[in-house]
PDB file of N, CA and C in Angstrom:
ATOM      1  N   MET A   1       0.482  -1.135  -0.060  1.00  0.00           N
ATOM      2  CA  MET A   1       0.064  -0.103   0.148  1.00  0.00           C
ATOM      3  C   MET A   1       0.982   1.303   0.154  1.00  0.00           C
ATOM      4  N   ALA A   2       0.926   2.405  -0.637  1.00  0.00           N
ATOM      5  CA  ALA A   2       1.847   3.239  -0.952  1.00  0.00           C
ATOM      6  C   ALA A   2       0.867   4.271   0.559  1.00  0.00           C
ATOM      7  N   ALA A   3       1.587   5.334   0.169  1.00  0.00           N
ATOM      8  CA  ALA A   3       2.101   5.643   1.707  1.00  0.00           C
ATOM      9  C   ALA A   3       0.916   6.710   2.231  1.00  0.00           C
ATOM     10  N   ASN A   4       0.639   7.057   0.706  1.00  0.00           N
ATOM     11  CA  ASN A   4      -0.069   7.978   0.514  1.00  0.00           C
ATOM     12  C   ASN A   4      -1.989   7.274   0.900  1.00  0.00           C
ATOM     13  N   GLU A   5      -1.805   6.441   0.533  1.00  0.00           N
ATOM     14  CA  GLU A   5      -3.476   5.678   0.850  1.00  0.00           C
ATOM     15  C   GLU A   5      -3.472   5.409   2.098  1.00  0.00           C
ATOM     16  N   ASN A   6      -2.442   5.314   3.478  1.00  0.00           N
ATOM     17  CA  ASN A   6      -2.276   4.639   4.472  1.00  0.00           C
ATOM     18  C   ASN A   6      -2.151   5.988   4.832  1.00  0.00           C
ATOM     19  N   LYS A   7      -1.670   6.908   5.426  1.00  0.00           N
ATOM     20  CA  LYS A   7      -2.557   8.214   5.232  1.00  0.00           C
ATOM     21  C   LYS A   7      -4.294   9.047   4.990  1.00  0.00           C
ATOM     22  N   GLU A   8      -5.115   8.252   4.325  1.00  0.00           N
ATOM     23  CA  GLU A   8      -5.734   8.524   3.806  1.00  0.00           C
ATOM     24  C   GLU A   8      -7.168   7.815   4.985  1.00  0.00           C
ATOM     25  N   TYR A   9      -6.509   6.045   4.961  1.00  0.00           N
ATOM     26  CA  TYR A   9      -7.088   5.359   6.021  1.00  0.00           C
ATOM     27  C   TYR A   9      -6.676   6.077   7.908  1.00  0.00           C
ATOM     28  N   SER A  10      -6.169   6.742   8.000  1.00  0.00           N
ATOM     29  CA  SER A  10      -5.845   7.136   9.058  1.00  0.00           C
ATOM     30  C   SER A  10      -6.977   7.344   9.882  1.00  0.00           C
ATOM     31  N   HIS A  11      -8.042   8.546   9.222  1.00  0.00           N
ATOM     32  CA  HIS A  11      -8.629   8.638  10.057  1.00  0.00           C
ATOM     33  C   HIS A  11     -10.205   6.771  10.190  1.00  0.00           C
ATOM     34  N   LYS A  12     -10.661   7.309  11.518  1.00  0.00           N
ATOM     35  CA  LYS A  12     -10.968   5.674  12.158  1.00  0.00           C
ATOM     36  C   LYS A  12     -12.678   5.734  12.485  1.00  0.00           C
ATOM     37  N   PHE A  13     -13.335   5.523  11.583  1.00  0.00           N
ATOM     38  CA  PHE A  13     -14.608   4.855  12.287  1.00  0.00           C
ATOM     39  C   PHE A  13     -14.275   4.708  14.485  1.00  0.00           C
ATOM     40  N   ASP A  14     -14.598   5.327  14.944  1.00  0.00           N
ATOM     41  CA  ASP A  14     -14.542   4.122  16.298  1.00  0.00           C
ATOM     42  C   ASP A  14     -16.283   3.821  16.544  1.00  0.00           C
ATOM     43  N   GLU A  15     -16.617   4.346  16.884  1.00  0.00           N
ATOM     44  CA  GLU A  15     -18.555   4.259  17.436  1.00  0.00           C
ATOM     45  C   GLU A  15     -19.282   2.736  16.352  1.00  0.00           C
ATOM     46  N   CYS A  16     -20.289   2.369  17.194  1.00  0.00           N
ATOM     47  CA  CYS A  16     -21.007   1.614  16.263  1.00  0.00           C
ATOM     48  C   CYS A  16     -22.322   2.161  16.079  1.00  0.00           C
ATOM     49  N   PRO A  17     -22.593   2.139  15.418  1.00  0.00           N
ATOM     50  CA  PRO A  17     -23.719   3.499  14.883  1.00  0.00           C
ATOM     51  C   PRO A  17     -24.855   2.655  14.868  1.00  0.00           C
ATOM     52  N   THR A  18     -24.995   1.432  15.113  1.00  0.00           N
ATOM     53  CA  THR A  18     -25.811  -0.073  15.251  1.00  0.00           C
ATOM     54  C   THR A  18     -26.054   0.650  17.866  1.00  0.00           C
ATOM     55  N   CYS A  19     -25.174   0.489  18.466  1.00  0.00           N
ATOM     56  CA  CYS A  19     -25.018   0.468  19.794  1.00  0.00           C
ATOM     57  C   CYS A  19     -23.858   1.409  20.159  1.00  0.00           C
ATOM     58  N   ASP A  20     -23.115   2.081  19.973  1.00  0.00           N
ATOM     59  CA  ASP A  20     -22.282   3.315  20.212  1.00  0.00           C
ATOM     60  C   ASP A  20     -20.785   2.148  20.774  1.00  0.00           C
ATOM     61  N   GLY A  21     -21.186   0.742  20.232  1.00  0.00           N
ATOM     62  CA  GLY A  21     -20.431   0.231  21.531  1.00  0.00           C
ATOM     63  C   GLY A  21     -18.501   0.582  20.192  1.00  0.00           C
ATOM     64  N   ASP A  22     -18.410   0.234  21.006  1.00  0.00           N
ATOM     65  CA  ASP A  22     -16.965   0.717  20.054  1.00  0.00           C
ATOM     66  C   ASP A  22     -16.336  -0.657  18.890  1.00  0.00           C
ATOM     67  N   LEU A  23     -15.770   0.167  18.201  1.00  0.00           N
ATOM     68  CA  LEU A  23     -15.013  -0.370  16.882  1.00  0.00           C
ATOM     69  C   LEU A  23     -14.148  -0.636  16.900  1.00  0.00           C
ATOM     70  N   GLN A  24     -13.805  -2.303  15.904  1.00  0.00           N
ATOM     71  CA  GLN A  24     -11.637  -2.426  16.489  1.00  0.00           C
ATOM     72  C   GLN A  24     -11.919  -3.375  14.890  1.00  0.00           C
ATOM     73  N   TYR A  25     -10.924  -2.313  14.590  1.00  0.00           N
ATOM     74  CA  TYR A  25     -10.531  -2.468  12.661  1.00  0.00           C
ATOM     75  C   TYR A  25     -10.268  -4.062  13.060  1.00  0.00           C
ATOM     76  N   GLN A  26     -10.601  -4.455  11.330  1.00  0.00           N
ATOM     77  CA  GLN A  26      -9.977  -6.097  11.640  1.00  0.00           C
ATOM     78  C   GLN A  26      -8.838  -6.053  10.978  1.00  0.00           C
ATOM     79  N   ASN A  27      -8.746  -4.808   9.697  1.00  0.00           N
ATOM     80  CA  ASN A  27      -7.558  -4.942   8.653  1.00  0.00           C
ATOM     81  C   ASN A  27      -7.813  -2.887   8.498  1.00  0.00           C
ATOM     82  N   GLU A  28      -7.485  -2.736   6.752  1.00  0.00           N
ATOM     83  CA  GLU A  28      -8.010  -1.455   6.819  1.00  0.00           C
ATOM     84  C   GLU A  28      -8.882  -1.187   6.725  1.00  0.00           C
ATOM     85  N   ALA A  29      -9.806  -1.730   6.353  1.00  0.00           N
ATOM     86  CA  ALA A  29     -10.915  -1.452   5.713  1.00  0.00           C
ATOM     87  C   ALA A  29     -12.743  -1.928   6.422  1.00  0.00           C
ATOM     88  N   ASP A  30     -11.846  -3.044   7.214  1.00  0.00           N
ATOM     89  CA  ASP A  30     -13.457  -3.574   8.243  1.00  0.00           C
ATOM     90  C   ASP A  30     -13.580  -4.033   9.263  1.00  0.00           C
ATOM     91  N   ALA A  31     -14.066  -3.819   9.825  1.00  0.00           N
ATOM     92  CA  ALA A  31     -14.331  -2.836  11.589  1.00  0.00           C
ATOM     93  C   ALA A  31     -16.065  -4.154  11.689  1.00  0.00           C
ATOM     94  N   GLU A  32     -15.309  -4.635  13.428  1.00  0.00           N
ATOM     95  CA  GLU A  32     -15.802  -4.784  14.318  1.00  0.00           C
ATOM     96  C   GLU A  32     -16.634  -4.528  15.647  1.00  0.00           C
ATOM     97  N   CYS A  33     -17.802  -4.937  15.734  1.00  0.00           N
ATOM     98  CA  CYS A  33     -17.971  -4.144  16.991  1.00  0.00           C
ATOM     99  C   CYS A  33     -18.195  -5.026  18.032  1.00  0.00           C
ATOM    100  N   LEU A  34     -17.499  -4.528  19.058  1.00  0.00           N
ATOM    101  CA  LEU A  34     -17.394  -5.620  20.371  1.00  0.00           C
ATOM    102  C   LEU A  34     -18.167  -5.672  21.005  1.00  0.00           C
ATOM    103  N   ASN A  35     -18.690  -4.781  20.366  1.00  0.00           N
ATOM    104  CA  ASN A  35     -20.320  -5.009  21.894  1.00  0.00           C
ATOM    105  C   ASN A  35     -21.913  -5.946  21.259  1.00  0.00           C
ATOM    106  N   CYS A  36     -22.207  -5.496  20.164  1.00  0.00           N
ATOM    107  CA  CYS A  36     -22.416  -6.344  19.446  1.00  0.00           C
ATOM    108  C   CYS A  36     -23.103  -7.259  18.084  1.00  0.00           C
ATOM    109  N   GLY A  37     -21.342  -7.606  18.362  1.00  0.00           N
ATOM    110  CA  GLY A  37     -20.826  -7.703  16.768  1.00  0.00           C
ATOM    111  C   GLY A  37     -21.193  -7.584  15.393  1.00  0.00           C
ATOM    112  N   GLU A  38     -22.401  -6.991  14.965  1.00  0.00           N
ATOM    113  CA  GLU A  38     -21.819  -6.540  13.345  1.00  0.00           C
ATOM    114  C   GLU A  38     -20.864  -6.130  13.306  1.00  0.00           C
ATOM    115  N   VAL A  39     -20.397  -6.111  11.414  1.00  0.00           N
ATOM    116  CA  VAL A  39     -19.401  -5.176  11.254  1.00  0.00           C
ATOM    117  C   VAL A  39     -19.679  -5.079   9.781  1.00  0.00           C
ATOM    118  N   PHE A  40     -18.870  -3.418   9.767  1.00  0.00           N
ATOM    119  CA  PHE A  40     -19.143  -2.391   8.798  1.00  0.00           C
ATOM    120  C   PHE A  40     -17.701  -2.329   8.378  1.00  0.00           C
ATOM    121  N   TYR A  41     -17.994  -1.835   6.709  1.00  0.00           N
ATOM    122  CA  TYR A  41     -17.160  -1.818   5.574  1.00  0.00           C
ATOM    123  C   TYR A  41     -16.359   0.123   6.307  1.00  0.00           C
ATOM    124  N   HIS A  42     -15.552  -0.208   6.115  1.00  0.00           N
ATOM    125  CA  HIS A  42     -14.548   1.331   5.841  1.00  0.00           C
ATOM    126  C   HIS A  42     -14.327   2.402   4.119  1.00  0.00           C
ATOM    127  N   GLU A  43     -15.052   2.573   3.717  1.00  0.00           N
ATOM    128  CA  GLU A  43     -14.381   2.887   2.529  1.00  0.00           C
ATOM    129  C   GLU A  43     -13.882   4.241   1.670  1.00  0.00           C
ATOM    130  N   ILE A  44     -13.218   4.613   1.474  1.00  0.00           N
ATOM    131  CA  ILE A  44     -12.573   6.295   1.206  1.00  0.00           C
ATOM    132  C   ILE A  44     -13.391   6.756  -0.856  1.00  0.00           C
ATOM    133  N   ARG A  45     -14.311   7.925  -1.326  1.00  0.00           N
ATOM    134  CA  ARG A  45     -14.463   7.913  -1.908  1.00  0.00           C
ATOM    135  C   ARG A  45     -14.838   9.666  -2.258  1.00  0.00           C
ATOM    136  N   ALA A  46     -13.655   9.744  -3.015  1.00  0.00           N
ATOM    137  CA  ALA A  46     -13.699  11.806  -3.952  1.00  0.00           C
ATOM    138  C   ALA A  46     -13.472  12.172  -2.026  1.00  0.00           C
ATOM    139  N   ASN A  47     -12.959  11.972  -1.167  1.00  0.00           N
ATOM    140  CA  ASN A  47     -12.351  11.761   0.332  1.00  0.00           C
ATOM    141  C   ASN A  47     -13.048  11.862   1.491  1.00  0.00           C
ATOM    142  N   ARG A  48     -14.253  11.469   1.371  1.00  0.00           N
ATOM    143  CA  ARG A  48     -15.088  11.383   2.008  1.00  0.00           C
ATOM    144  C   ARG A  48     -15.099   9.513   2.250  1.00  0.00           C
ATOM    145  N   HIS A  49     -15.285   9.510   3.897  1.00  0.00           N
ATOM    146  CA  HIS A  49     -15.457   8.576   4.308  1.00  0.00           C
ATOM    147  C   HIS A  49     -16.298   7.691   4.702  1.00  0.00           C
ATOM    148  N   LEU A  50     -17.121   6.760   4.279  1.00  0.00           N
ATOM    149  CA  LEU A  50     -18.148   6.157   4.223  1.00  0.00           C
ATOM    150  C   LEU A  50     -17.972   4.682   5.114  1.00  0.00           C
ATOM    151  N   LEU A  51     -19.032   4.333   5.807  1.00  0.00           N
ATOM    152  CA  LEU A  51     -19.038   3.208   7.383  1.00  0.00           C
ATOM    153  C   LEU A  51     -19.709   2.337   6.264  1.00  0.00           C
ATOM    154  N   TRP A  52     -19.975   2.107   5.994  1.00  0.00           N
ATOM    155  CA  TRP A  52     -21.292   0.812   5.122  1.00  0.00           C
ATOM    156  C   TRP A  52     -21.460  -0.772   6.104  1.00  0.00           C
ATOM    157  N   ASP A  53     -22.478  -0.668   6.712  1.00  0.00           N
ATOM    158  CA  ASP A  53     -22.987  -1.875   6.961  1.00  0.00           C
ATOM    159  C   ASP A  53     -23.326  -3.786   5.936  1.00  0.00           C
ATOM    160  N   TYR A  54     -23.194  -4.554   6.641  1.00  0.00           N
ATOM    161  CA  TYR A  54     -24.040  -5.421   5.394  1.00  0.00           C
ATOM    162  C   TYR A  54     -25.785  -6.177   5.613  1.00  0.00           C
ATOM    163  N   ASP A  55     -25.795  -6.394   5.071  1.00  0.00           N
ATOM    164  CA  ASP A  55     -27.629  -7.204   5.440  1.00  0.00           C
ATOM    165  C   ASP A  55     -26.580  -8.634   5.965  1.00  0.00           C
ATOM    166  N   GLU A  56     -28.072 -10.034   6.294  1.00  0.00           N
ATOM    167  CA  GLU A  56     -27.966 -11.617   6.009  1.00  0.00           C
ATOM    168  C   GLU A  56     -27.421 -11.906   5.460  1.00  0.00           C
ATOM    169  N   LEU A  57     -27.024 -11.235   4.328  1.00  0.00           N
ATOM    170  CA  LEU A  57     -27.018 -12.320   3.340  1.00  0.00           C
ATOM    171  C   LEU A  57     -24.694 -12.031   2.874  1.00  0.00           C
ATOM    172  N   GLY A  58     -24.981 -10.698   3.692  1.00  0.00           N
ATOM    173  CA  GLY A  58     -24.005 -10.427   3.213  1.00  0.00           C
ATOM    174  C   GLY A  58     -23.014  -9.118   2.146  1.00  0.00           C
ATOM    175  N   TRP A  59     -24.147  -9.076   2.035  1.00  0.00           N
ATOM    176  CA  TRP A  59     -24.122  -7.805   1.206  1.00  0.00           C
ATOM    177  C   TRP A  59     -24.395  -6.084   1.515  1.00  0.00           C
ATOM    178  N   MET A  60     -23.281  -5.578   1.153  1.00  0.00           N
ATOM    179  CA  MET A  60     -23.146  -4.236   1.268  1.00  0.00           C
ATOM    180  C   MET A  60     -25.031  -3.626   1.498  1.00  0.00           C
ATOM    181  N   ARG A  61     -25.206  -2.857   2.685  1.00  0.00           N
ATOM    182  CA  ARG A  61     -26.908  -2.846   2.052  1.00  0.00           C
ATOM    183  C   ARG A  61     -26.495  -1.137   2.525  1.00  0.00           C
ATOM    184  N   GLY A  62     -25.615  -0.897   2.964  1.00  0.00           N
ATOM    185  CA  GLY A  62     -26.356   1.301   3.151  1.00  0.00           C
ATOM    186  C   GLY A  62     -24.739   2.002   3.881  1.00  0.00           C
ATOM    187  N   VAL A  63     -25.287   3.123   3.334  1.00  0.00           N
ATOM    188  CA  VAL A  63     -24.027   3.877   4.480  1.00  0.00           C
ATOM    189  C   VAL A  63     -24.424   3.673   5.614  1.00  0.00           C
ATOM    190  N   VAL A  64     -23.980   3.742   6.304  1.00  0.00           N
ATOM    191  CA  VAL A  64     -24.173   4.092   7.820  1.00  0.00           C
ATOM    192  C   VAL A  64     -23.751   5.896   8.557  1.00  0.00           C
ATOM    193  N   SER A  65     -22.444   5.646   8.057  1.00  0.00           N
ATOM    194  CA  SER A  65     -22.125   6.759   8.628  1.00  0.00           C
ATOM    195  C   SER A  65     -20.991   7.663   7.508  1.00  0.00           C
ATOM    196  N   ARG A  66     -20.568   8.961   7.070  1.00  0.00           N
ATOM    197  CA  ARG A  66     -20.352   9.838   7.489  1.00  0.00           C
ATOM    198  C   ARG A  66     -19.414  10.752   7.765  1.00  0.00           C
ATOM    199  N   ALA A  67     -18.247  10.742   7.203  1.00  0.00           N
ATOM    200  CA  ALA A  67     -16.674  11.646   7.722  1.00  0.00           C
ATOM    201  C   ALA A  67     -16.409  12.049   6.734  1.00  0.00           C
TER     202      ALA A  67
END
């Protein structure tokens, strides 16, 4: 990963949008809530940080938080 890509991911969502629990990142993009177990995907699109959630089948459902 290039140095500028690491800088882009320097922002991290730290609270679960579902239950306000703490998020733990499994890698640069995948985060799991330590409280409720919900899994999220952190994406950067046009310098906007987006946090996506998944449906019960594992498909990305929608953006639940922006920064």
